[in-house]
mmCIF file of all heavy atoms, coordinates in Angstrom:
data_MODEL
# 
_entry.id   MODEL 
# 
loop_
_atom_site.group_PDB 
_atom_site.id 
_atom_site.type_symbol 
_atom_site.label_atom_id 
_atom_site.label_alt_id 
_atom_site.label_comp_id 
_atom_site.label_asym_id 
_atom_site.label_entity_id 
_atom_site.label_seq_id 
_atom_site.pdbx_PDB_ins_code 
_atom_site.Cartn_x 
_atom_site.Cartn_y 
_atom_site.Cartn_z 
_atom_site.occupancy 
_atom_site.B_iso_or_equiv 
_atom_site.pdbx_formal_charge 
_atom_site.auth_seq_id 
_atom_site.auth_comp_id 
_atom_site.auth_asym_id 
_atom_site.auth_atom_id 
_atom_site.pdbx_PDB_model_num 
ATOM 1   N N   . ALA A 1 1  ? 5.673   -25.334 -117.063 1.00 0.00 ? 1  ALA A N   1 
ATOM 2   C CA  . ALA A 1 1  ? 5.538   -26.590 -116.321 1.00 0.00 ? 1  ALA A CA  1 
ATOM 3   C C   . ALA A 1 1  ? 6.662   -26.667 -115.282 1.00 0.00 ? 1  ALA A C   1 
ATOM 4   O O   . ALA A 1 1  ? 6.385   -26.992 -114.091 1.00 0.00 ? 1  ALA A O   1 
ATOM 5   C CB  . ALA A 1 1  ? 5.500   -27.747 -117.211 1.00 0.00 ? 1  ALA A CB  1 
ATOM 6   N N   . ILE A 1 2  ? 7.839   -26.343 -115.619 1.00 0.00 ? 2  ILE A N   1 
ATOM 7   C CA  . ILE A 1 2  ? 9.015   -26.417 -114.749 1.00 0.00 ? 2  ILE A CA  1 
ATOM 8   C C   . ILE A 1 2  ? 8.891   -25.351 -113.635 1.00 0.00 ? 2  ILE A C   1 
ATOM 9   O O   . ILE A 1 2  ? 9.079   -25.643 -112.429 1.00 0.00 ? 2  ILE A O   1 
ATOM 10  C CB  . ILE A 1 2  ? 10.338  -26.243 -115.510 1.00 0.00 ? 2  ILE A CB  1 
ATOM 11  C CG1 . ILE A 1 2  ? 10.537  -27.422 -116.493 1.00 0.00 ? 2  ILE A CG1 1 
ATOM 12  C CG2 . ILE A 1 2  ? 11.513  -26.206 -114.551 1.00 0.00 ? 2  ILE A CG2 1 
ATOM 13  C CD1 . ILE A 1 2  ? 10.507  -28.755 -115.893 1.00 0.00 ? 2  ILE A CD1 1 
ATOM 14  N N   . THR A 1 3  ? 8.561   -24.189 -114.042 1.00 0.00 ? 3  THR A N   1 
ATOM 15  C CA  . THR A 1 3  ? 8.492   -23.084 -113.059 1.00 0.00 ? 3  THR A CA  1 
ATOM 16  C C   . THR A 1 3  ? 7.441   -23.371 -111.998 1.00 0.00 ? 3  THR A C   1 
ATOM 17  O O   . THR A 1 3  ? 7.650   -23.174 -110.757 1.00 0.00 ? 3  THR A O   1 
ATOM 18  C CB  . THR A 1 3  ? 8.113   -21.768 -113.763 1.00 0.00 ? 3  THR A CB  1 
ATOM 19  O OG1 . THR A 1 3  ? 9.159   -21.471 -114.716 1.00 0.00 ? 3  THR A OG1 1 
ATOM 20  C CG2 . THR A 1 3  ? 7.955   -20.625 -112.759 1.00 0.00 ? 3  THR A CG2 1 
ATOM 21  N N   . GLU A 1 4  ? 6.229   -23.895 -112.380 1.00 0.00 ? 4  GLU A N   1 
ATOM 22  C CA  . GLU A 1 4  ? 5.210   -24.122 -111.456 1.00 0.00 ? 4  GLU A CA  1 
ATOM 23  C C   . GLU A 1 4  ? 5.542   -25.329 -110.581 1.00 0.00 ? 4  GLU A C   1 
ATOM 24  O O   . GLU A 1 4  ? 5.276   -25.349 -109.326 1.00 0.00 ? 4  GLU A O   1 
ATOM 25  C CB  . GLU A 1 4  ? 3.913   -24.400 -112.160 1.00 0.00 ? 4  GLU A CB  1 
ATOM 26  C CG  . GLU A 1 4  ? 3.244   -23.131 -112.631 1.00 0.00 ? 4  GLU A CG  1 
ATOM 27  C CD  . GLU A 1 4  ? 2.899   -22.094 -111.540 1.00 0.00 ? 4  GLU A CD  1 
ATOM 28  O OE1 . GLU A 1 4  ? 2.343   -22.471 -110.522 1.00 0.00 ? 4  GLU A OE1 1 
ATOM 29  O OE2 . GLU A 1 4  ? 3.307   -20.924 -111.761 1.00 0.00 ? 4  GLU A OE2 1 
ATOM 30  N N   . THR A 1 5  ? 6.169   -26.386 -111.147 1.00 0.00 ? 5  THR A N   1 
ATOM 31  C CA  . THR A 1 5  ? 6.575   -27.516 -110.346 1.00 0.00 ? 5  THR A CA  1 
ATOM 32  C C   . THR A 1 5  ? 7.626   -27.151 -109.371 1.00 0.00 ? 5  THR A C   1 
ATOM 33  O O   . THR A 1 5  ? 7.522   -27.618 -108.177 1.00 0.00 ? 5  THR A O   1 
ATOM 34  C CB  . THR A 1 5  ? 7.141   -28.621 -111.316 1.00 0.00 ? 5  THR A CB  1 
ATOM 35  O OG1 . THR A 1 5  ? 6.182   -28.926 -112.253 1.00 0.00 ? 5  THR A OG1 1 
ATOM 36  C CG2 . THR A 1 5  ? 7.586   -29.839 -110.504 1.00 0.00 ? 5  THR A CG2 1 
ATOM 37  N N   . ALA A 1 6  ? 8.549   -26.263 -109.640 1.00 0.00 ? 6  ALA A N   1 
ATOM 38  C CA  . ALA A 1 6  ? 9.636   -25.908 -108.770 1.00 0.00 ? 6  ALA A CA  1 
ATOM 39  C C   . ALA A 1 6  ? 9.117   -25.100 -107.546 1.00 0.00 ? 6  ALA A C   1 
ATOM 40  O O   . ALA A 1 6  ? 9.787   -24.960 -106.573 1.00 0.00 ? 6  ALA A O   1 
ATOM 41  C CB  . ALA A 1 6  ? 10.660  -24.997 -109.532 1.00 0.00 ? 6  ALA A CB  1 
ATOM 42  N N   . ARG A 1 7  ? 7.895   -24.637 -107.561 1.00 0.00 ? 7  ARG A N   1 
ATOM 43  C CA  . ARG A 1 7  ? 7.244   -23.941 -106.438 1.00 0.00 ? 7  ARG A CA  1 
ATOM 44  C C   . ARG A 1 7  ? 7.088   -24.911 -105.294 1.00 0.00 ? 7  ARG A C   1 
ATOM 45  O O   . ARG A 1 7  ? 7.071   -24.469 -104.110 1.00 0.00 ? 7  ARG A O   1 
ATOM 46  C CB  . ARG A 1 7  ? 5.985   -23.273 -106.793 1.00 0.00 ? 7  ARG A CB  1 
ATOM 47  C CG  . ARG A 1 7  ? 6.261   -22.142 -107.852 1.00 0.00 ? 7  ARG A CG  1 
ATOM 48  C CD  . ARG A 1 7  ? 4.932   -21.550 -108.260 1.00 0.00 ? 7  ARG A CD  1 
ATOM 49  N NE  . ARG A 1 7  ? 4.420   -20.628 -107.212 1.00 0.00 ? 7  ARG A NE  1 
ATOM 50  C CZ  . ARG A 1 7  ? 3.339   -20.026 -107.241 1.00 0.00 ? 7  ARG A CZ  1 
ATOM 51  N NH1 . ARG A 1 7  ? 2.539   -20.125 -108.271 1.00 0.00 ? 7  ARG A NH1 1 
ATOM 52  N NH2 . ARG A 1 7  ? 3.002   -19.217 -106.172 1.00 0.00 ? 7  ARG A NH2 1 
ATOM 53  N N   . THR A 1 8  ? 6.868   -26.197 -105.566 1.00 0.00 ? 8  THR A N   1 
ATOM 54  C CA  . THR A 1 8  ? 6.565   -27.133 -104.473 1.00 0.00 ? 8  THR A CA  1 
ATOM 55  C C   . THR A 1 8  ? 7.547   -28.364 -104.454 1.00 0.00 ? 8  THR A C   1 
ATOM 56  O O   . THR A 1 8  ? 7.546   -29.062 -103.481 1.00 0.00 ? 8  THR A O   1 
ATOM 57  C CB  . THR A 1 8  ? 5.174   -27.695 -104.609 1.00 0.00 ? 8  THR A CB  1 
ATOM 58  O OG1 . THR A 1 8  ? 4.943   -28.265 -105.839 1.00 0.00 ? 8  THR A OG1 1 
ATOM 59  C CG2 . THR A 1 8  ? 4.134   -26.569 -104.339 1.00 0.00 ? 8  THR A CG2 1 
ATOM 60  N N   . VAL A 1 9  ? 8.268   -28.564 -105.575 1.00 0.00 ? 9  VAL A N   1 
ATOM 61  C CA  . VAL A 1 9  ? 9.227   -29.700 -105.646 1.00 0.00 ? 9  VAL A CA  1 
ATOM 62  C C   . VAL A 1 9  ? 10.658  -29.166 -105.700 1.00 0.00 ? 9  VAL A C   1 
ATOM 63  O O   . VAL A 1 9  ? 10.961  -28.230 -106.487 1.00 0.00 ? 9  VAL A O   1 
ATOM 64  C CB  . VAL A 1 9  ? 8.898   -30.533 -106.854 1.00 0.00 ? 9  VAL A CB  1 
ATOM 65  C CG1 . VAL A 1 9  ? 9.935   -31.604 -107.107 1.00 0.00 ? 9  VAL A CG1 1 
ATOM 66  C CG2 . VAL A 1 9  ? 7.524   -31.083 -106.828 1.00 0.00 ? 9  VAL A CG2 1 
ATOM 67  N N   . LYS A 1 10 ? 11.471  -29.744 -104.820 1.00 0.00 ? 10 LYS A N   1 
ATOM 68  C CA  . LYS A 1 10 ? 12.898  -29.325 -104.823 1.00 0.00 ? 10 LYS A CA  1 
ATOM 69  C C   . LYS A 1 10 ? 13.742  -30.364 -105.505 1.00 0.00 ? 10 LYS A C   1 
ATOM 70  O O   . LYS A 1 10 ? 13.434  -31.492 -105.689 1.00 0.00 ? 10 LYS A O   1 
ATOM 71  C CB  . LYS A 1 10 ? 13.325  -29.121 -103.396 1.00 0.00 ? 10 LYS A CB  1 
ATOM 72  C CG  . LYS A 1 10 ? 12.504  -28.151 -102.599 1.00 0.00 ? 10 LYS A CG  1 
ATOM 73  C CD  . LYS A 1 10 ? 12.468  -26.785 -103.234 1.00 0.00 ? 10 LYS A CD  1 
ATOM 74  C CE  . LYS A 1 10 ? 11.541  -25.824 -102.573 1.00 0.00 ? 10 LYS A CE  1 
ATOM 75  N NZ  . LYS A 1 10 ? 11.032  -24.819 -103.356 1.00 0.00 ? 10 LYS A NZ  1 
ATOM 76  N N   . ASP A 1 11 ? 14.960  -29.938 -105.823 1.00 0.00 ? 11 ASP A N   1 
ATOM 77  C CA  . ASP A 1 11 ? 15.954  -30.822 -106.490 1.00 0.00 ? 11 ASP A CA  1 
ATOM 78  C C   . ASP A 1 11 ? 15.548  -31.397 -107.806 1.00 0.00 ? 11 ASP A C   1 
ATOM 79  O O   . ASP A 1 11 ? 15.753  -32.554 -108.103 1.00 0.00 ? 11 ASP A O   1 
ATOM 80  C CB  . ASP A 1 11 ? 16.386  -31.900 -105.507 1.00 0.00 ? 11 ASP A CB  1 
ATOM 81  C CG  . ASP A 1 11 ? 17.302  -31.483 -104.415 1.00 0.00 ? 11 ASP A CG  1 
ATOM 82  O OD1 . ASP A 1 11 ? 18.059  -30.478 -104.672 1.00 0.00 ? 11 ASP A OD1 1 
ATOM 83  O OD2 . ASP A 1 11 ? 17.315  -32.101 -103.357 1.00 0.00 ? 11 ASP A OD2 1 
ATOM 84  N N   . ILE A 1 12 ? 14.883  -30.603 -108.627 1.00 0.00 ? 12 ILE A N   1 
ATOM 85  C CA  . ILE A 1 12 ? 14.567  -31.081 -110.044 1.00 0.00 ? 12 ILE A CA  1 
ATOM 86  C C   . ILE A 1 12 ? 15.765  -31.324 -110.766 1.00 0.00 ? 12 ILE A C   1 
ATOM 87  O O   . ILE A 1 12 ? 16.682  -30.472 -110.851 1.00 0.00 ? 12 ILE A O   1 
ATOM 88  C CB  . ILE A 1 12 ? 13.640  -30.062 -110.733 1.00 0.00 ? 12 ILE A CB  1 
ATOM 89  C CG1 . ILE A 1 12 ? 12.297  -29.921 -110.041 1.00 0.00 ? 12 ILE A CG1 1 
ATOM 90  C CG2 . ILE A 1 12 ? 13.472  -30.474 -112.220 1.00 0.00 ? 12 ILE A CG2 1 
ATOM 91  C CD1 . ILE A 1 12 ? 11.364  -28.898 -110.590 1.00 0.00 ? 12 ILE A CD1 1 
ATOM 92  N N   . ARG A 1 13 ? 15.930  -32.505 -111.342 1.00 0.00 ? 13 ARG A N   1 
ATOM 93  C CA  . ARG A 1 13 ? 17.148  -32.887 -112.064 1.00 0.00 ? 13 ARG A CA  1 
ATOM 94  C C   . ARG A 1 13 ? 16.974  -32.952 -113.572 1.00 0.00 ? 13 ARG A C   1 
ATOM 95  O O   . ARG A 1 13 ? 17.856  -32.526 -114.362 1.00 0.00 ? 13 ARG A O   1 
ATOM 96  C CB  . ARG A 1 13 ? 17.620  -34.206 -111.586 1.00 0.00 ? 13 ARG A CB  1 
ATOM 97  C CG  . ARG A 1 13 ? 18.032  -34.223 -110.137 1.00 0.00 ? 13 ARG A CG  1 
ATOM 98  C CD  . ARG A 1 13 ? 19.131  -33.241 -109.804 1.00 0.00 ? 13 ARG A CD  1 
ATOM 99  N NE  . ARG A 1 13 ? 19.442  -33.158 -108.432 1.00 0.00 ? 13 ARG A NE  1 
ATOM 100 C CZ  . ARG A 1 13 ? 20.468  -33.812 -107.830 1.00 0.00 ? 13 ARG A CZ  1 
ATOM 101 N NH1 . ARG A 1 13 ? 21.240  -34.605 -108.521 1.00 0.00 ? 13 ARG A NH1 1 
ATOM 102 N NH2 . ARG A 1 13 ? 20.645  -33.687 -106.557 1.00 0.00 ? 13 ARG A NH2 1 
ATOM 103 N N   . THR A 1 14 ? 15.856  -33.449 -114.023 1.00 0.00 ? 14 THR A N   1 
ATOM 104 C CA  . THR A 1 14 ? 15.640  -33.560 -115.514 1.00 0.00 ? 14 THR A CA  1 
ATOM 105 C C   . THR A 1 14 ? 14.173  -33.275 -115.852 1.00 0.00 ? 14 THR A C   1 
ATOM 106 O O   . THR A 1 14 ? 13.364  -33.398 -114.969 1.00 0.00 ? 14 THR A O   1 
ATOM 107 C CB  . THR A 1 14 ? 15.963  -34.925 -116.085 1.00 0.00 ? 14 THR A CB  1 
ATOM 108 O OG1 . THR A 1 14 ? 15.084  -35.899 -115.460 1.00 0.00 ? 14 THR A OG1 1 
ATOM 109 C CG2 . THR A 1 14 ? 17.427  -35.307 -115.827 1.00 0.00 ? 14 THR A CG2 1 
ATOM 110 N N   . ALA A 1 15 ? 13.939  -32.870 -117.081 1.00 0.00 ? 15 ALA A N   1 
ATOM 111 C CA  . ALA A 1 15 ? 12.622  -32.651 -117.602 1.00 0.00 ? 15 ALA A CA  1 
ATOM 112 C C   . ALA A 1 15 ? 12.611  -33.176 -119.052 1.00 0.00 ? 15 ALA A C   1 
ATOM 113 O O   . ALA A 1 15 ? 13.384  -32.791 -119.836 1.00 0.00 ? 15 ALA A O   1 
ATOM 114 C CB  . ALA A 1 15 ? 12.248  -31.197 -117.610 1.00 0.00 ? 15 ALA A CB  1 
ATOM 115 N N   . GLU A 1 16 ? 11.709  -34.202 -119.254 1.00 0.00 ? 16 GLU A N   1 
ATOM 116 C CA  . GLU A 1 16 ? 11.648  -34.837 -120.577 1.00 0.00 ? 16 GLU A CA  1 
ATOM 117 C C   . GLU A 1 16 ? 10.246  -34.509 -121.076 1.00 0.00 ? 16 GLU A C   1 
ATOM 118 O O   . GLU A 1 16 ? 9.233   -34.797 -120.553 1.00 0.00 ? 16 GLU A O   1 
ATOM 119 C CB  . GLU A 1 16 ? 11.763  -36.313 -120.358 1.00 0.00 ? 16 GLU A CB  1 
ATOM 120 C CG  . GLU A 1 16 ? 11.667  -37.114 -121.676 1.00 0.00 ? 16 GLU A CG  1 
ATOM 121 C CD  . GLU A 1 16 ? 11.752  -38.663 -121.365 1.00 0.00 ? 16 GLU A CD  1 
ATOM 122 O OE1 . GLU A 1 16 ? 11.952  -39.030 -120.294 1.00 0.00 ? 16 GLU A OE1 1 
ATOM 123 O OE2 . GLU A 1 16 ? 11.634  -39.320 -122.378 1.00 0.00 ? 16 GLU A OE2 1 
ATOM 124 N N   . VAL A 1 17 ? 10.237  -33.941 -122.314 1.00 0.00 ? 17 VAL A N   1 
ATOM 125 C CA  . VAL A 1 17 ? 8.978   -33.594 -123.019 1.00 0.00 ? 17 VAL A CA  1 
ATOM 126 C C   . VAL A 1 17 ? 8.407   -34.879 -123.573 1.00 0.00 ? 17 VAL A C   1 
ATOM 127 O O   . VAL A 1 17 ? 9.008   -35.498 -124.387 1.00 0.00 ? 17 VAL A O   1 
ATOM 128 C CB  . VAL A 1 17 ? 9.127   -32.532 -124.096 1.00 0.00 ? 17 VAL A CB  1 
ATOM 129 C CG1 . VAL A 1 17 ? 7.787   -32.304 -124.845 1.00 0.00 ? 17 VAL A CG1 1 
ATOM 130 C CG2 . VAL A 1 17 ? 9.682   -31.288 -123.529 1.00 0.00 ? 17 VAL A CG2 1 
ATOM 131 N N   . MET A 1 18 ? 7.290   -35.329 -123.047 1.00 0.00 ? 18 MET A N   1 
ATOM 132 C CA  . MET A 1 18 ? 6.677   -36.597 -123.434 1.00 0.00 ? 18 MET A CA  1 
ATOM 133 C C   . MET A 1 18 ? 5.715   -36.387 -124.623 1.00 0.00 ? 18 MET A C   1 
ATOM 134 O O   . MET A 1 18 ? 5.560   -37.312 -125.464 1.00 0.00 ? 18 MET A O   1 
ATOM 135 C CB  . MET A 1 18 ? 5.931   -37.197 -122.219 1.00 0.00 ? 18 MET A CB  1 
ATOM 136 C CG  . MET A 1 18 ? 6.767   -37.359 -120.975 1.00 0.00 ? 18 MET A CG  1 
ATOM 137 S SD  . MET A 1 18 ? 8.134   -38.447 -121.256 1.00 0.00 ? 18 MET A SD  1 
ATOM 138 C CE  . MET A 1 18 ? 7.304   -40.056 -121.416 1.00 0.00 ? 18 MET A CE  1 
ATOM 139 N N   . LYS A 1 19 ? 5.025   -35.280 -124.661 1.00 0.00 ? 19 LYS A N   1 
ATOM 140 C CA  . LYS A 1 19 ? 3.948   -35.099 -125.656 1.00 0.00 ? 19 LYS A CA  1 
ATOM 141 C C   . LYS A 1 19 ? 3.696   -33.586 -125.786 1.00 0.00 ? 19 LYS A C   1 
ATOM 142 O O   . LYS A 1 19 ? 3.834   -32.822 -124.860 1.00 0.00 ? 19 LYS A O   1 
ATOM 143 C CB  . LYS A 1 19 ? 2.673   -35.814 -125.203 1.00 0.00 ? 19 LYS A CB  1 
ATOM 144 C CG  . LYS A 1 19 ? 1.575   -35.799 -126.143 1.00 0.00 ? 19 LYS A CG  1 
ATOM 145 C CD  . LYS A 1 19 ? 0.382   -36.601 -125.504 1.00 0.00 ? 19 LYS A CD  1 
ATOM 146 C CE  . LYS A 1 19 ? -0.831  -36.575 -126.440 1.00 0.00 ? 19 LYS A CE  1 
ATOM 147 N NZ  . LYS A 1 19 ? -1.939  -37.318 -125.895 1.00 0.00 ? 19 LYS A NZ  1 
ATOM 148 N N   . MET A 1 20 ? 3.356   -33.169 -127.053 1.00 0.00 ? 20 MET A N   1 
ATOM 149 C CA  . MET A 1 20 ? 2.980   -31.768 -127.276 1.00 0.00 ? 20 MET A CA  1 
ATOM 150 C C   . MET A 1 20 ? 1.698   -31.719 -128.034 1.00 0.00 ? 20 MET A C   1 
ATOM 151 O O   . MET A 1 20 ? 1.413   -32.601 -128.844 1.00 0.00 ? 20 MET A O   1 
ATOM 152 C CB  . MET A 1 20 ? 4.050   -31.071 -128.123 1.00 0.00 ? 20 MET A CB  1 
ATOM 153 C CG  . MET A 1 20 ? 5.359   -30.900 -127.363 1.00 0.00 ? 20 MET A CG  1 
ATOM 154 S SD  . MET A 1 20 ? 6.616   -29.884 -128.240 1.00 0.00 ? 20 MET A SD  1 
ATOM 155 C CE  . MET A 1 20 ? 6.906   -30.859 -129.714 1.00 0.00 ? 20 MET A CE  1 
ATOM 156 N N   . ASN A 1 21 ? 0.789   -30.865 -127.602 1.00 0.00 ? 21 ASN A N   1 
ATOM 157 C CA  . ASN A 1 21 ? -0.543  -30.654 -128.213 1.00 0.00 ? 21 ASN A CA  1 
ATOM 158 C C   . ASN A 1 21 ? -0.719  -29.192 -128.536 1.00 0.00 ? 21 ASN A C   1 
ATOM 159 O O   . ASN A 1 21 ? -0.216  -28.340 -127.863 1.00 0.00 ? 21 ASN A O   1 
ATOM 160 C CB  . ASN A 1 21 ? -1.667  -31.072 -127.281 1.00 0.00 ? 21 ASN A CB  1 
ATOM 161 C CG  . ASN A 1 21 ? -1.537  -32.507 -126.846 1.00 0.00 ? 21 ASN A CG  1 
ATOM 162 O OD1 . ASN A 1 21 ? -1.379  -33.401 -127.700 1.00 0.00 ? 21 ASN A OD1 1 
ATOM 163 N ND2 . ASN A 1 21 ? -1.644  -32.754 -125.543 1.00 0.00 ? 21 ASN A ND2 1 
ATOM 164 N N   . ALA A 1 22 ? -1.541  -28.908 -129.525 1.00 0.00 ? 22 ALA A N   1 
ATOM 165 C CA  . ALA A 1 22 ? -1.914  -27.556 -129.799 1.00 0.00 ? 22 ALA A CA  1 
ATOM 166 C C   . ALA A 1 22 ? -3.454  -27.538 -129.855 1.00 0.00 ? 22 ALA A C   1 
ATOM 167 O O   . ALA A 1 22 ? -4.109  -28.333 -130.531 1.00 0.00 ? 22 ALA A O   1 
ATOM 168 C CB  . ALA A 1 22 ? -1.359  -27.094 -131.202 1.00 0.00 ? 22 ALA A CB  1 
ATOM 169 N N   . ILE A 1 23 ? -4.011  -26.520 -129.136 1.00 0.00 ? 23 ILE A N   1 
ATOM 170 C CA  . ILE A 1 23 ? -5.415  -26.350 -129.172 1.00 0.00 ? 23 ILE A CA  1 
ATOM 171 C C   . ILE A 1 23 ? -5.696  -25.319 -130.310 1.00 0.00 ? 23 ILE A C   1 
ATOM 172 O O   . ILE A 1 23 ? -5.121  -24.271 -130.365 1.00 0.00 ? 23 ILE A O   1 
ATOM 173 C CB  . ILE A 1 23 ? -5.943  -25.728 -127.810 1.00 0.00 ? 23 ILE A CB  1 
ATOM 174 C CG1 . ILE A 1 23 ? -5.505  -26.638 -126.662 1.00 0.00 ? 23 ILE A CG1 1 
ATOM 175 C CG2 . ILE A 1 23 ? -7.438  -25.546 -127.814 1.00 0.00 ? 23 ILE A CG2 1 
ATOM 176 C CD1 . ILE A 1 23 ? -5.984  -28.067 -126.716 1.00 0.00 ? 23 ILE A CD1 1 
ATOM 177 N N   . VAL A 1 24 ? -6.635  -25.720 -131.179 1.00 0.00 ? 24 VAL A N   1 
ATOM 178 C CA  . VAL A 1 24 ? -6.946  -24.936 -132.368 1.00 0.00 ? 24 VAL A CA  1 
ATOM 179 C C   . VAL A 1 24 ? -8.371  -24.392 -132.311 1.00 0.00 ? 24 VAL A C   1 
ATOM 180 O O   . VAL A 1 24 ? -9.287  -25.083 -131.960 1.00 0.00 ? 24 VAL A O   1 
ATOM 181 C CB  . VAL A 1 24 ? -6.732  -25.800 -133.663 1.00 0.00 ? 24 VAL A CB  1 
ATOM 182 C CG1 . VAL A 1 24 ? -7.065  -25.019 -134.926 1.00 0.00 ? 24 VAL A CG1 1 
ATOM 183 C CG2 . VAL A 1 24 ? -5.337  -26.306 -133.705 1.00 0.00 ? 24 VAL A CG2 1 
ATOM 184 N N   . ASN A 1 25 ? -8.482  -23.136 -132.749 1.00 0.00 ? 25 ASN A N   1 
ATOM 185 C CA  . ASN A 1 25 ? -9.806  -22.508 -132.827 1.00 0.00 ? 25 ASN A CA  1 
ATOM 186 C C   . ASN A 1 25 ? -9.803  -21.627 -134.055 1.00 0.00 ? 25 ASN A C   1 
ATOM 187 O O   . ASN A 1 25 ? -8.944  -20.803 -134.258 1.00 0.00 ? 25 ASN A O   1 
ATOM 188 C CB  . ASN A 1 25 ? -10.073 -21.664 -131.522 1.00 0.00 ? 25 ASN A CB  1 
ATOM 189 C CG  . ASN A 1 25 ? -11.509 -21.159 -131.476 1.00 0.00 ? 25 ASN A CG  1 
ATOM 190 O OD1 . ASN A 1 25 ? -12.354 -21.385 -132.382 1.00 0.00 ? 25 ASN A OD1 1 
ATOM 191 N ND2 . ASN A 1 25 ? -11.793 -20.413 -130.412 1.00 0.00 ? 25 ASN A ND2 1 
ATOM 192 N N   . SER A 1 26 ? -10.822 -21.831 -134.898 1.00 0.00 ? 26 SER A N   1 
ATOM 193 C CA  . SER A 1 26 ? -10.888 -21.072 -136.215 1.00 0.00 ? 26 SER A CA  1 
ATOM 194 C C   . SER A 1 26 ? -9.612  -21.175 -137.053 1.00 0.00 ? 26 SER A C   1 
ATOM 195 O O   . SER A 1 26 ? -9.087  -20.187 -137.486 1.00 0.00 ? 26 SER A O   1 
ATOM 196 C CB  . SER A 1 26 ? -11.266 -19.628 -135.974 1.00 0.00 ? 26 SER A CB  1 
ATOM 197 O OG  . SER A 1 26 ? -12.513 -19.470 -135.311 1.00 0.00 ? 26 SER A OG  1 
ATOM 198 N N   . ASP A 1 27 ? -9.066  -22.364 -137.132 1.00 0.00 ? 27 ASP A N   1 
ATOM 199 C CA  . ASP A 1 27 ? -7.896  -22.682 -137.886 1.00 0.00 ? 27 ASP A CA  1 
ATOM 200 C C   . ASP A 1 27 ? -6.632  -21.976 -137.393 1.00 0.00 ? 27 ASP A C   1 
ATOM 201 O O   . ASP A 1 27 ? -5.630  -21.837 -138.125 1.00 0.00 ? 27 ASP A O   1 
ATOM 202 C CB  . ASP A 1 27 ? -8.037  -22.275 -139.375 1.00 0.00 ? 27 ASP A CB  1 
ATOM 203 C CG  . ASP A 1 27 ? -9.173  -23.088 -140.040 1.00 0.00 ? 27 ASP A CG  1 
ATOM 204 O OD1 . ASP A 1 27 ? -9.435  -24.252 -139.627 1.00 0.00 ? 27 ASP A OD1 1 
ATOM 205 O OD2 . ASP A 1 27 ? -9.855  -22.535 -140.899 1.00 0.00 ? 27 ASP A OD2 1 
ATOM 206 N N   . LYS A 1 28 ? -6.593  -21.537 -136.123 1.00 0.00 ? 28 LYS A N   1 
ATOM 207 C CA  . LYS A 1 28 ? -5.412  -20.911 -135.525 1.00 0.00 ? 28 LYS A CA  1 
ATOM 208 C C   . LYS A 1 28 ? -5.084  -21.580 -134.189 1.00 0.00 ? 28 LYS A C   1 
ATOM 209 O O   . LYS A 1 28 ? -5.982  -21.914 -133.409 1.00 0.00 ? 28 LYS A O   1 
ATOM 210 C CB  . LYS A 1 28 ? -5.626  -19.421 -135.324 1.00 0.00 ? 28 LYS A CB  1 
ATOM 211 C CG  . LYS A 1 28 ? -5.820  -18.679 -136.569 1.00 0.00 ? 28 LYS A CG  1 
ATOM 212 C CD  . LYS A 1 28 ? -5.624  -17.184 -136.442 1.00 0.00 ? 28 LYS A CD  1 
ATOM 213 C CE  . LYS A 1 28 ? -5.885  -16.505 -137.789 1.00 0.00 ? 28 LYS A CE  1 
ATOM 214 N NZ  . LYS A 1 28 ? -5.147  -15.340 -137.898 1.00 0.00 ? 28 LYS A NZ  1 
ATOM 215 N N   . ILE A 1 29 ? -3.840  -21.703 -133.910 1.00 0.00 ? 29 ILE A N   1 
ATOM 216 C CA  . ILE A 1 29 ? -3.417  -22.229 -132.620 1.00 0.00 ? 29 ILE A CA  1 
ATOM 217 C C   . ILE A 1 29 ? -3.673  -21.167 -131.511 1.00 0.00 ? 29 ILE A C   1 
ATOM 218 O O   . ILE A 1 29 ? -3.223  -20.035 -131.705 1.00 0.00 ? 29 ILE A O   1 
ATOM 219 C CB  . ILE A 1 29 ? -1.904  -22.639 -132.632 1.00 0.00 ? 29 ILE A CB  1 
ATOM 220 C CG1 . ILE A 1 29 ? -1.719  -23.754 -133.596 1.00 0.00 ? 29 ILE A CG1 1 
ATOM 221 C CG2 . ILE A 1 29 ? -1.455  -23.077 -131.221 1.00 0.00 ? 29 ILE A CG2 1 
ATOM 222 C CD1 . ILE A 1 29 ? -0.192  -24.142 -133.768 1.00 0.00 ? 29 ILE A CD1 1 
# 
């Protein structure tokens, strides 16, 4: 997320993880 954002946005100062999800298929992430 940070790497891709930095391609078009300059002067990134902070990154706060708001939410995490896991996509599951056949009982595996």
